């Protein structure tokens, strides 16, 4: 944009501009979904049998729920439940358990998404679901209600990775949607996600860290032309990071061509073009034991929910859910995190989740409110209600005279650097109680002609004006790049 010396400006020092990059994101509340679960609101506890559960939920008739293991249930086995999926067409939450033989015990359970009550099962048996280290491990539901279930293979060459598909919850049996080896020798099936529907359905599964083979720092992607049969592409990412197994324990689509993943290191974001992946960014969370994840847009804001999944037995290990605003990953962690909670009873320590497995799924989203379901293996299912604080309306009319002009800039400049307690009259345009570089950006936008600062003062030298233009242009470009 051209800057003219006919414009009368006030000098703005380099240190002032550079020093005003403090920022803020949204805040939120994360409460129990009070209608879900049993004795503890929002939590279907391990082995807890709920009023209304169908008879097949307690096959041994011992008053324990068979499909969420707990040490109190003598017939159960730990580490059998790793996958959940939300079905938006039915408002049901699907839970996958490896408990029992599928010929007699039906482990793909249908839970009411509002109450958590077990309503029955999606059927399959040892004839139509076969092969792998585990014949069934993770699940996902597409936008059209089609259900996808992945096996787990520790060596895709010796035992192919398989994906099964049901048209809906009432389908009598699944079809085999994919069987093959996206990456020779890879472990596959610990993480799994879906986006789209019909012929636009796309699936992903992350490679395990072990065995350590070339290419296991990424994931496989599965596409279809008919909505039923899928082909695989090994997505190759040449850079490091991502590291080996970076998508092994948590994976989610940000959009159809962008994938977020977590293993045991640092979460990574990769853009996909064909079979080539390009690292977009890495980012920090509250710890490397935050693994199962899901992404959604809530009230126009990009939100990542990610769950603690660890073997820890200390007092803070409570299968906690963490929620982050992904709008600007350059912000400090404390500003990106908008909520954290656990629905385990106060003082209760989690059951050990020795494999770090589980799944997080967004449920219904309406306005600023979203339901989030979380399964950390051996710790039941938690259902949260996330409510994001309303977005503030940006306003750079600091003097309230009905326009945004040079006088408003003077207000901002006089108070720039004020942190905490600032008001609109002080120059706080975004209602974050600070007067900083974000407010300057809003002033520029609302002034109508960014960088033209029309205020009464003696003209400054051309070199000062060019410095201001350059610094503000660079700062604005950096802020708008994401």
Foldseek 3Di string as FASTA:
>chain_A
DDDDLVFFDDFDDPCAFVVFPDDFDFFWEKFALQQEDDPFGQFPFAQAADPPADPLQCVPPPRGGAQAHAPVDPQHDFPFWFEWEAAQVQQWIWTAGPPDFLVPRAGGWTARNNYRHTDGHQHEGPVQQDWAPASWYYWYAENQAKIKTWGWHQFCQVIWTWIWIDNHSPGNYTHTQDTHPQDGGWIWDQEKYWYHAFQAIKMKIATALPPPDPLNQGIKMWGGRGRRHIDIHRAGEPDPPVDHRQAHAAWEDLDPQKIWGGGQDWIWIWGDDGNYIYTDDTAHAPHSQFGAWYWDQALNWTKIKTWRAAQDFDQVAARKIWMFTPLDRVHDRVNGTRDMDHSDPPRDHAHGRHRSGHHKYWYDHDHQWTWIWTDHTSTGIGIIIMGIDDFADFDLPLVPPPAQALVSVVLLVVQAPQAAQADSVSQPRRPPRHRGNVSVVSSQVRNPHHLSHRDDDDRDDPVSSVVSVVSNVVVVCVSPVD
